[in-house]
Amino acid sequence: MVTLNPNPAHDRFVVHDYSQQVQAERQLRLFSGTGALLLQQVLPAGSAEATIVIVGFAPGLYFWELRWPDGHRVAGRLLVQ
């Protein structure tokens, strides 16, 4: 299971990865409401959480995706206030 907190976020959020696959490097991608890629960040292998800074992001609804090298992915929504 993967969660992003807080949601809604203001200037940062934390990705919590409770999956069994934390030993693999993962890629977090954040998209605008129109689907434009706004942020791409690698989460290092072995790390169960990472803080993502979103200072300067306009308030609104964003979409996120976390992808593993084997093609497994999870996705969700993030509200920025």
Protein backbone atom coordinates (compact mmCIF):
# COMPACT_ATOMS: atom_id res chain seq x y z
CA MET A 1 0.00 0.00 0.00
CA VAL A 2 1.19 3.53 -0.82
CA THR A 3 -0.15 6.74 0.74
CA LEU A 4 0.58 10.43 0.31
CA ASN A 5 0.17 12.68 3.36
CA PRO A 6 -1.00 15.27 3.98
CA ASN A 7 -3.66 15.32 1.33
CA PRO A 8 -4.58 18.12 0.77
CA ALA A 9 -0.98 19.34 0.71
CA HIS A 10 0.47 22.85 0.79
CA ASP A 11 4.21 23.01 0.14
CA ARG A 12 5.23 19.35 0.54
CA PHE A 13 3.90 15.87 1.00
CA VAL A 14 5.34 12.56 2.18
CA VAL A 15 5.12 9.34 0.18
CA HIS A 16 4.72 6.32 2.48
CA ASP A 17 5.39 2.98 0.80
CA TYR A 18 4.08 0.09 2.90
CA SER A 19 4.52 -2.43 0.07
CA GLN A 20 6.84 -5.41 0.06
CA GLN A 21 8.79 -3.79 -2.79
CA VAL A 22 10.66 -1.03 -0.90
CA GLN A 23 13.94 -2.78 -1.72
CA ALA A 24 13.52 -1.67 -5.34
CA GLU A 25 14.12 1.82 -6.69
CA ARG A 26 10.80 3.46 -7.59
CA GLN A 27 9.87 6.43 -9.73
CA LEU A 28 7.29 8.98 -8.60
CA ARG A 29 5.62 11.08 -11.26
CA LEU A 30 3.24 13.98 -10.64
CA PHE A 31 0.90 15.21 -13.37
CA SER A 32 -1.31 18.27 -13.77
CA GLY A 33 -5.06 17.93 -14.20
CA THR A 34 -4.52 18.06 -17.95
CA GLY A 35 -1.96 15.23 -17.88
CA ALA A 36 1.24 17.27 -18.22
CA LEU A 37 4.22 15.76 -16.38
CA LEU A 38 5.26 18.28 -13.70
CA LEU A 39 7.61 16.33 -11.46
CA GLN A 40 9.58 13.13 -11.70
CA GLN A 41 11.64 11.85 -8.79
CA VAL A 42 13.41 8.58 -8.02
CA LEU A 43 12.75 7.10 -4.60
CA PRO A 44 15.84 5.17 -3.51
CA ALA A 45 15.74 1.45 -2.83
CA GLY A 46 15.24 0.63 0.83
CA SER A 47 13.46 3.88 1.63
CA ALA A 48 9.89 3.49 2.91
CA GLU A 49 9.14 7.22 2.81
CA ALA A 50 10.22 10.32 0.96
CA THR A 51 9.35 14.00 1.30
CA ILE A 52 8.43 15.74 -1.95
CA VAL A 53 8.60 19.54 -2.07
CA ILE A 54 5.93 21.23 -4.18
CA VAL A 55 6.56 24.89 -3.36
CA GLY A 56 5.18 27.05 -6.16
CA PHE A 57 2.59 24.54 -7.36
CA ALA A 58 -0.76 26.21 -8.03
CA PRO A 59 -3.73 25.08 -5.96
CA GLY A 60 -5.67 22.34 -7.69
CA LEU A 61 -6.01 18.64 -8.35
CA TYR A 62 -2.94 16.66 -9.40
CA PHE A 63 -2.45 13.01 -10.28
CA TRP A 64 0.46 10.88 -9.08
CA GLU A 65 1.92 7.56 -10.11
CA LEU A 66 4.52 5.40 -8.39
CA ARG A 67 6.18 2.84 -10.68
CA TRP A 68 8.59 -0.03 -9.98
CA PRO A 69 11.17 -1.43 -12.43
CA ASP A 70 9.06 -4.57 -12.95
CA GLY A 71 6.19 -2.44 -14.33
CA HIS A 72 4.04 -2.57 -11.18
CA ARG A 73 2.40 0.79 -10.49
CA VAL A 74 -0.03 2.52 -8.17
CA ALA A 75 -1.70 5.85 -8.80
CA GLY A 76 -3.93 8.37 -7.10
CA ARG A 77 -4.92 11.99 -6.67
CA LEU A 78 -3.32 14.80 -4.69
CA LEU A 79 -5.08 18.04 -3.84
CA VAL A 80 -2.82 21.08 -3.43
CA GLN A 81 -4.20 24.06 -1.50
